[in-house]
Amino acid sequence: MDGPLYEQIYHYLLEKIKSGELPRGGRVPSEKELADQFNVSRITSKKALEMLSADGLIERVQGKGSFVAETLPEPEQIQGARKSYPQSWKLVGLILPDFADSYGLRMIHGVEERLSELGCRMLVKITYDKREEEEEAIRSFLQLGVDGFIIFPVHGEHYNSELLRLVLDKHPLVFVDRYLKGLAACSVYTDNRLAAFELTKHLLDRGHEEIGFISLPVENTSTIEDRIQGYTDALIQHGLRMNPQHLMTNLFSSVPRSFEERNVQVDFANVQKFVEMNPDLTAFVAVEYNLALILREVLLSMNRRIPEDCSIVCFDSPHSAFNKYLFTHVSQDEFAMGRGAADLLQMQWDMKEISFNNTVPFSIVQGDSTTA
């Protein structure tokens, strides 16, 4: 039988009830028994039982189990209830490469809070920024019968085939943090070009003209491309040109599961070489918080004072209850991003017209790494 696994279980039990193999008042297999029988999660078997209950075919008694209804609905009533069932609650698959206090955690809180308000349940899968993990997560969530996806795509030059299929099949889907170029899909993200422009302008306004930029490899990632463009825009508007020698885009330690001693030491050595080769630089834009940490250690090891000798700005930072921050940074409204993604899914379920490109606010937060 084709279709999601929860529907297969639903139809399996429906046939048992129709044939009388499960008599009126008879006990229906439990969530655990069905999960074991069909080799699925209890979330899947639970959804099948809730569908049967919504159709009036079974009655669920807390602490005792599920039983076939004494009075069964007419076939046309079953079909009608079956059609309306998905509106009662929905299952959403959230897929993201990683999360931390500096970025990602508050987005998850926003997604979860809004989905709860909308009566939805959420499954979460971490991909560790690996394309094959992202593909498998999409496949497994489809088998579980999720009604929609919220995906923070992996960093990389190519899109995976499962993700492309979701877009082509017009499955309810929202990308967060970035948009994917060339794909007609709904996304919610920070205007990274404008944010990088404002961050670089913060340095220019303090008299810096020789400003470096350090980053992960670009690899067709809209977030990084837009940040480089915003950095370039600010220099040009200030009457300066972007010097390619001031751009470093070969760092890897901030990739999920990579911020460990060996990788950090490699990036430390590369950043140190970059700084030594560009002694004229007095300020730096770091594309991520962890890269700013490495840059800071490099500068301190070279007896450069921060911010007296060199200034650093970056994207994102761990939350501070006392409003004290190591770096001046772009604070993205992750919470709004998460809530917005859930709302955009609901609009797709309701067949409402949506915009593919949706941005959330950001702010520049003063830290100890630049002069006030």
Protein backbone atom coordinates (compact mmCIF):
# COMPACT_ATOMS: atom_id res chain seq x y z
CA MET A 1 0.00 0.00 0.00
CA ASP A 2 1.35 3.44 -0.94
CA GLY A 3 1.20 6.58 1.17
CA PRO A 4 2.62 7.64 4.51
CA LEU A 5 3.01 4.92 7.11
CA TYR A 6 0.37 6.37 9.42
CA GLU A 7 -2.17 6.14 6.59
CA GLN A 8 -1.18 2.54 5.93
CA ILE A 9 -1.81 1.69 9.59
CA TYR A 10 -5.09 3.61 9.46
CA HIS A 11 -6.36 1.61 6.46
CA TYR A 12 -5.09 -1.67 7.92
CA LEU A 13 -7.17 -1.15 11.08
CA LEU A 14 -10.12 0.22 9.09
CA GLU A 15 -10.30 -3.02 7.08
CA LYS A 16 -10.11 -5.06 10.29
CA ILE A 17 -13.05 -3.10 11.68
CA LYS A 18 -15.08 -3.37 8.46
CA SER A 19 -14.55 -7.13 8.25
CA GLY A 20 -15.48 -7.67 11.89
CA GLU A 21 -12.07 -9.05 12.77
CA LEU A 22 -11.98 -6.18 15.24
CA PRO A 23 -15.55 -6.36 16.65
CA ARG A 24 -17.54 -3.49 18.13
CA GLY A 25 -16.27 -2.85 21.63
CA GLY A 26 -13.18 -4.93 20.91
CA ARG A 27 -9.74 -3.80 21.98
CA VAL A 28 -7.57 -2.16 19.31
CA PRO A 29 -3.78 -2.77 19.35
CA SER A 30 -1.91 -0.17 21.38
CA GLU A 31 0.47 2.48 20.03
CA LYS A 32 3.42 0.35 21.11
CA GLU A 33 2.03 -2.86 19.59
CA LEU A 34 1.36 -1.14 16.27
CA ALA A 35 4.77 0.55 16.32
CA ASP A 36 6.45 -2.83 16.85
CA GLN A 37 4.27 -4.58 14.24
CA PHE A 38 4.92 -2.00 11.52
CA ASN A 39 8.45 -1.09 12.63
CA VAL A 40 7.61 2.59 12.99
CA SER A 41 7.83 5.19 15.74
CA ARG A 42 5.07 5.57 18.32
CA ILE A 43 4.43 9.04 16.89
CA THR A 44 3.34 7.36 13.65
CA SER A 45 1.11 4.75 15.30
CA LYS A 46 -0.38 7.38 17.59
CA LYS A 47 -1.32 9.53 14.59
CA ALA A 48 -3.08 6.57 12.95
CA LEU A 49 -5.11 5.91 16.12
CA GLU A 50 -6.02 9.58 16.45
CA MET A 51 -7.24 9.55 12.84
CA LEU A 52 -9.49 6.57 13.61
CA SER A 53 -10.77 8.32 16.73
CA ALA A 54 -11.47 11.50 14.76
CA ASP A 55 -13.49 9.43 12.27
CA GLY A 56 -15.58 7.95 15.10
CA LEU A 57 -14.29 4.42 14.45
CA ILE A 58 -12.62 3.90 17.82
CA GLU A 59 -12.88 5.31 21.32
CA ARG A 60 -9.74 6.05 23.29
CA VAL A 61 -10.02 5.53 27.05
CA GLN A 62 -7.23 7.03 29.13
CA GLY A 63 -5.34 4.38 31.08
CA LYS A 64 -7.16 1.50 29.35
CA GLY A 65 -6.46 1.79 25.64
CA SER A 66 -8.47 2.05 22.42
CA PHE A 67 -11.66 0.16 21.57
CA VAL A 68 -13.81 -0.17 18.45
CA ALA A 69 -16.84 2.12 18.70
CA GLU A 70 -20.15 0.41 19.57
CA THR A 71 -21.89 2.52 16.93
CA LEU A 72 -19.91 2.86 13.72
CA PRO A 73 -20.40 5.79 11.34
CA GLU A 74 -21.70 5.37 7.82
CA PRO A 75 -19.00 5.05 5.10
CA GLU A 76 -19.68 8.54 3.76
CA GLN A 77 -19.28 9.95 7.27
CA ILE A 78 -15.91 8.23 7.57
CA GLN A 79 -14.73 9.81 4.33
CA GLY A 80 -15.93 13.22 5.43
CA ALA A 81 -14.19 13.01 8.77
CA ARG A 82 -11.10 11.65 7.06
CA LYS A 83 -10.91 14.72 4.87
CA SER A 84 -11.31 17.12 7.76
CA TYR A 85 -8.91 15.30 10.06
CA PRO A 86 -5.65 16.92 8.95
CA GLN A 87 -6.99 20.28 10.09
CA SER A 88 -7.16 19.06 13.71
CA TRP A 89 -3.40 18.89 14.20
CA LYS A 90 -0.37 18.70 11.99
CA LEU A 91 3.13 17.30 12.24
CA VAL A 92 6.08 19.48 11.19
CA GLY A 93 9.63 18.36 10.51
CA LEU A 94 12.31 20.86 11.57
CA ILE A 95 15.70 20.14 9.97
CA LEU A 96 18.78 22.21 10.82
CA PRO A 97 22.56 21.79 10.67
CA ASP A 98 23.18 22.63 14.33
CA PHE A 99 22.27 25.19 16.96
CA ALA A 100 24.00 27.07 19.74
CA ASP A 101 23.32 29.89 22.14
CA SER A 102 25.11 32.25 19.75
CA TYR A 103 22.73 31.33 16.91
CA GLY A 104 19.93 28.85 16.39
CA LEU A 105 18.56 28.18 19.87
CA ARG A 106 16.17 31.13 19.93
CA MET A 107 14.99 30.25 16.42
CA ILE A 108 13.96 26.79 17.64
CA HIS A 109 12.12 28.39 20.55
CA GLY A 110 10.23 30.61 18.10
CA VAL A 111 9.27 27.70 15.85
CA GLU A 112 8.13 25.54 18.78
CA GLU A 113 6.13 28.29 20.46
CA ARG A 114 4.23 29.27 17.33
CA LEU A 115 3.58 25.67 16.24
CA SER A 116 2.16 24.94 19.70
CA GLU A 117 -0.17 27.92 19.36
CA LEU A 118 -1.27 26.56 15.97
CA GLY A 119 -1.95 23.10 17.43
CA CYS A 120 0.99 21.42 15.69
CA ARG A 121 3.59 18.92 16.80
CA MET A 122 7.26 19.12 15.86
CA LEU A 123 10.01 16.63 15.02
CA VAL A 124 13.65 17.81 15.00
CA LYS A 125 16.67 16.43 13.12
CA ILE A 126 20.23 17.79 13.27
CA THR A 127 22.19 17.28 10.02
CA TYR A 128 25.61 18.50 11.25
CA ASP A 129 25.80 20.36 7.93
CA LYS A 130 26.04 17.12 5.94
CA ARG A 131 24.03 16.85 2.73
CA GLU A 132 23.47 13.09 3.07
CA GLU A 133 22.05 13.62 6.58
CA GLU A 134 19.71 16.28 5.21
CA GLU A 135 18.51 13.91 2.47
CA GLU A 136 17.88 11.10 4.95
CA ALA A 137 16.03 13.44 7.31
CA ILE A 138 13.67 14.51 4.53
CA ARG A 139 13.04 10.90 3.48
CA SER A 140 12.36 9.70 7.01
CA PHE A 141 10.05 12.62 7.81
CA LEU A 142 8.07 11.97 4.63
CA GLN A 143 7.66 8.35 5.72
CA LEU A 144 6.40 9.59 9.08
CA GLY A 145 3.82 11.62 7.21
CA VAL A 146 4.83 15.14 8.20
CA ASP A 147 2.51 17.84 6.91
CA GLY A 148 5.23 20.41 6.34
CA PHE A 149 8.94 21.17 6.64
CA ILE A 150 10.98 23.99 8.13
CA ILE A 151 14.55 23.58 6.86
CA PHE A 152 17.77 25.41 7.67
CA PRO A 153 19.74 24.20 4.61
CA VAL A 154 23.26 22.82 4.83
CA HIS A 155 26.16 24.97 3.67
CA GLY A 156 27.35 23.91 0.22
CA GLU A 157 27.46 24.49 -3.49
CA HIS A 158 24.81 21.92 -4.52
CA TYR A 159 21.26 21.24 -3.34
CA ASN A 160 20.31 17.67 -2.45
CA SER A 161 17.81 15.78 -4.61
CA GLU A 162 15.26 15.22 -1.83
CA LEU A 163 15.12 18.94 -1.12
CA LEU A 164 14.62 19.71 -4.81
CA ARG A 165 11.83 17.14 -4.95
CA LEU A 166 10.03 18.84 -2.06
CA VAL A 167 10.09 22.12 -3.98
CA LEU A 168 8.98 20.55 -7.28
CA ASP A 169 6.17 18.63 -5.54
CA LYS A 170 5.04 21.88 -3.88
CA HIS A 171 5.18 20.26 -0.44
CA PRO A 172 4.51 22.82 2.33
CA LEU A 173 8.02 24.07 3.03
CA VAL A 174 9.82 27.07 4.51
CA PHE A 175 13.57 27.68 4.45
CA VAL A 176 15.04 29.60 7.38
CA ASP A 177 18.25 31.64 7.68
CA ARG A 178 18.76 31.79 3.91
CA TYR A 179 17.12 31.55 0.52
CA LEU A 180 18.23 29.06 -2.12
CA LYS A 181 19.01 30.74 -5.42
CA GLY A 182 17.06 29.46 -8.40
CA LEU A 183 14.39 27.73 -6.31
CA ALA A 184 10.82 29.03 -6.18
CA ALA A 185 10.41 28.33 -2.47
CA CYS A 186 9.35 30.27 0.60
CA SER A 187 12.17 31.57 2.85
CA VAL A 188 12.46 33.72 5.97
CA TYR A 189 15.81 35.27 6.80
CA THR A 190 17.75 38.38 7.81
CA ASP A 191 18.63 40.88 5.08
CA ASN A 192 22.28 39.88 5.30
CA ARG A 193 23.44 42.37 2.68
CA LEU A 194 21.97 45.29 4.61
CA ALA A 195 23.17 43.89 7.95
CA ALA A 196 26.76 43.52 6.69
CA PHE A 197 26.55 47.02 5.21
CA GLU A 198 25.54 48.48 8.60
CA LEU A 199 28.17 46.42 10.42
CA THR A 200 30.95 47.63 8.09
CA LYS A 201 29.62 51.20 8.27
CA HIS A 202 29.97 50.96 12.07
CA LEU A 203 33.72 50.51 11.52
CA LEU A 204 33.96 53.17 8.81
CA ASP A 205 32.20 55.69 11.06
CA ARG A 206 34.96 55.12 13.63
CA GLY A 207 37.71 56.03 11.19
CA HIS A 208 38.71 52.58 9.92
CA GLU A 209 39.42 52.37 6.19
CA GLU A 210 41.50 49.19 5.95
CA ILE A 211 38.96 46.53 6.91
CA GLY A 212 39.39 42.78 6.48
CA PHE A 213 36.66 40.17 6.05
CA ILE A 214 36.97 36.54 7.27
CA SER A 215 34.53 33.80 6.41
CA LEU A 216 33.68 30.22 5.62
CA PRO A 217 33.93 29.25 1.92
CA VAL A 218 31.16 30.93 -0.07
CA GLU A 219 30.07 27.77 -1.96
CA ASN A 220 26.85 29.25 -3.38
CA THR A 221 25.56 30.07 0.12
CA SER A 222 23.31 33.13 -0.11
CA THR A 223 23.99 34.17 3.49
CA ILE A 224 27.75 34.52 2.95
CA GLU A 225 27.43 35.97 -0.56
CA ASP A 226 25.10 38.68 0.71
CA ARG A 227 27.37 39.51 3.66
CA ILE A 228 30.36 39.94 1.36
CA GLN A 229 28.26 42.13 -0.93
CA GLY A 230 27.10 44.29 1.99
CA TYR A 231 30.70 44.71 3.16
CA THR A 232 31.68 45.74 -0.38
CA ASP A 233 28.72 48.14 -0.69
CA ALA A 234 29.75 49.98 2.47
CA LEU A 235 33.33 50.42 1.28
CA ILE A 236 32.21 51.71 -2.11
CA GLN A 237 29.72 54.15 -0.59
CA HIS A 238 32.56 55.47 1.57
CA GLY A 239 34.69 56.07 -1.52
CA LEU A 240 36.89 53.01 -1.01
CA ARG A 241 37.42 49.93 -3.12
CA MET A 242 37.28 46.35 -1.95
CA ASN A 243 40.78 44.87 -1.94
CA PRO A 244 40.57 41.11 -2.72
CA GLN A 245 43.65 40.58 -0.53
CA HIS A 246 41.58 41.73 2.45
CA LEU A 247 39.08 38.92 1.92
CA MET A 248 39.66 35.51 3.54
CA THR A 249 37.11 32.77 2.78
CA ASN A 250 38.82 29.47 3.54
CA LEU A 251 38.00 28.89 7.22
CA PHE A 252 36.18 25.75 8.37
CA SER A 253 36.22 25.48 12.16
CA SER A 254 32.80 27.10 12.63
CA VAL A 255 31.10 24.38 10.57
CA PRO A 256 28.99 22.12 12.87
CA ARG A 257 31.04 19.53 14.78
CA SER A 258 34.24 21.24 13.60
CA PHE A 259 34.91 23.73 16.39
CA GLU A 260 37.44 21.47 18.07
CA GLU A 261 41.10 21.95 18.92
CA ARG A 262 42.66 20.54 15.75
CA ASN A 263 40.45 22.51 13.35
CA VAL A 264 40.67 25.64 15.46
CA GLN A 265 44.47 25.44 15.41
CA VAL A 266 44.46 25.15 11.60
CA ASP A 267 42.19 28.19 11.29
CA PHE A 268 44.25 30.04 13.93
CA ALA A 269 47.40 29.55 11.83
CA ASN A 270 45.62 30.64 8.64
CA VAL A 271 44.15 33.74 10.26
CA GLN A 272 47.53 34.61 11.76
CA LYS A 273 49.13 34.38 8.33
CA PHE A 274 46.34 36.52 6.86
CA VAL A 275 46.87 39.22 9.50
CA GLU A 276 50.65 39.15 9.04
CA MET A 277 50.27 39.51 5.26
CA ASN A 278 47.94 42.50 5.73
CA PRO A 279 49.60 44.66 8.42
CA ASP A 280 47.60 47.67 7.23
CA LEU A 281 44.30 46.20 8.48
CA THR A 282 42.93 47.94 11.58
CA ALA A 283 39.49 46.32 11.67
CA PHE A 284 37.79 43.08 10.71
CA VAL A 285 34.32 41.78 9.87
CA ALA A 286 33.85 38.13 10.88
CA VAL A 287 31.00 36.28 9.22
CA GLU A 288 30.30 34.19 12.35
CA TYR A 289 30.85 34.42 16.10
CA ASN A 290 33.27 31.48 16.41
CA LEU A 291 35.51 32.96 13.72
CA ALA A 292 35.56 36.23 15.66
CA LEU A 293 36.76 34.27 18.71
CA ILE A 294 39.68 32.83 16.71
CA LEU A 295 40.54 36.24 15.25
CA ARG A 296 40.53 37.78 18.73
CA GLU A 297 42.98 35.16 20.03
CA VAL A 298 45.24 35.71 17.02
CA LEU A 299 45.34 39.48 17.56
CA LEU A 300 45.95 39.15 21.30
CA SER A 301 48.80 36.68 20.63
CA MET A 302 50.37 39.35 18.41
CA ASN A 303 50.07 41.93 21.21
CA ARG A 304 47.35 43.84 19.38
CA ARG A 305 44.97 45.57 21.77
CA ILE A 306 41.22 45.36 21.15
CA PRO A 307 39.72 47.83 20.37
CA GLU A 308 42.64 50.28 20.74
CA ASP A 309 44.79 48.74 17.97
CA CYS A 310 42.25 46.58 16.09
CA SER A 311 38.46 46.40 16.08
CA ILE A 312 36.32 43.32 15.42
CA VAL A 313 32.65 43.06 14.45
CA CYS A 314 30.73 39.88 13.69
CA PHE A 315 27.36 38.26 13.18
CA ASP A 316 25.59 36.79 16.23
CA SER A 317 26.60 36.36 19.85
CA PRO A 318 25.58 34.32 22.88
CA HIS A 319 22.81 35.99 24.86
CA SER A 320 23.88 38.17 27.79
CA ALA A 321 21.51 38.84 30.66
CA PHE A 322 23.65 41.86 31.65
CA ASN A 323 23.96 43.33 28.15
CA LYS A 324 27.75 42.84 28.15
CA TYR A 325 29.12 41.50 24.88
CA LEU A 326 32.62 40.52 23.78
CA PHE A 327 31.99 41.71 20.22
CA THR A 328 29.98 44.41 18.52
CA HIS A 329 27.66 42.28 16.41
CA VAL A 330 24.57 41.90 14.28
CA SER A 331 21.76 40.54 16.43
CA GLN A 332 19.34 38.66 14.21
CA ASP A 333 15.74 38.30 15.39
CA GLU A 334 15.90 34.51 15.44
CA PHE A 335 12.73 34.22 17.51
CA ALA A 336 10.74 36.16 14.91
CA MET A 337 12.36 34.05 12.19
CA GLY A 338 11.13 30.87 13.86
CA ARG A 339 7.62 32.17 14.47
CA GLY A 340 7.45 33.56 10.95
CA ALA A 341 8.41 30.20 9.46
CA ALA A 342 5.54 28.51 11.32
CA ASP A 343 3.09 31.18 10.16
CA LEU A 344 4.23 30.77 6.54
CA LEU A 345 3.59 27.02 6.79
CA GLN A 346 0.08 27.68 8.10
CA MET A 347 -0.57 30.03 5.17
CA GLN A 348 0.46 27.27 2.76
CA TRP A 349 -1.90 24.80 4.44
CA ASP A 350 -4.66 27.40 4.15
CA MET A 351 -3.84 27.82 0.42
CA LYS A 352 -3.13 31.52 0.93
CA GLU A 353 -0.84 33.54 -1.30
CA ILE A 354 2.63 33.91 0.20
CA SER A 355 5.81 35.79 -0.62
CA PHE A 356 8.89 33.68 -1.35
CA ASN A 357 11.23 36.21 0.28
CA ASN A 358 10.48 37.28 3.85
CA THR A 359 12.93 39.19 6.04
CA VAL A 360 13.07 39.75 9.79
CA PRO A 361 14.60 42.72 11.66
CA PHE A 362 18.15 42.94 12.95
CA SER A 363 20.08 45.37 15.15
CA ILE A 364 23.71 46.34 15.69
CA VAL A 365 24.64 45.67 19.33
CA GLN A 366 27.64 47.44 20.84
CA GLY A 367 30.30 45.22 22.37
CA ASP A 368 33.80 45.57 23.81
CA SER A 369 35.52 45.02 20.44
CA THR A 370 34.89 48.51 19.02
CA THR A 371 34.94 52.01 20.46
CA ALA A 372 31.58 53.38 21.52
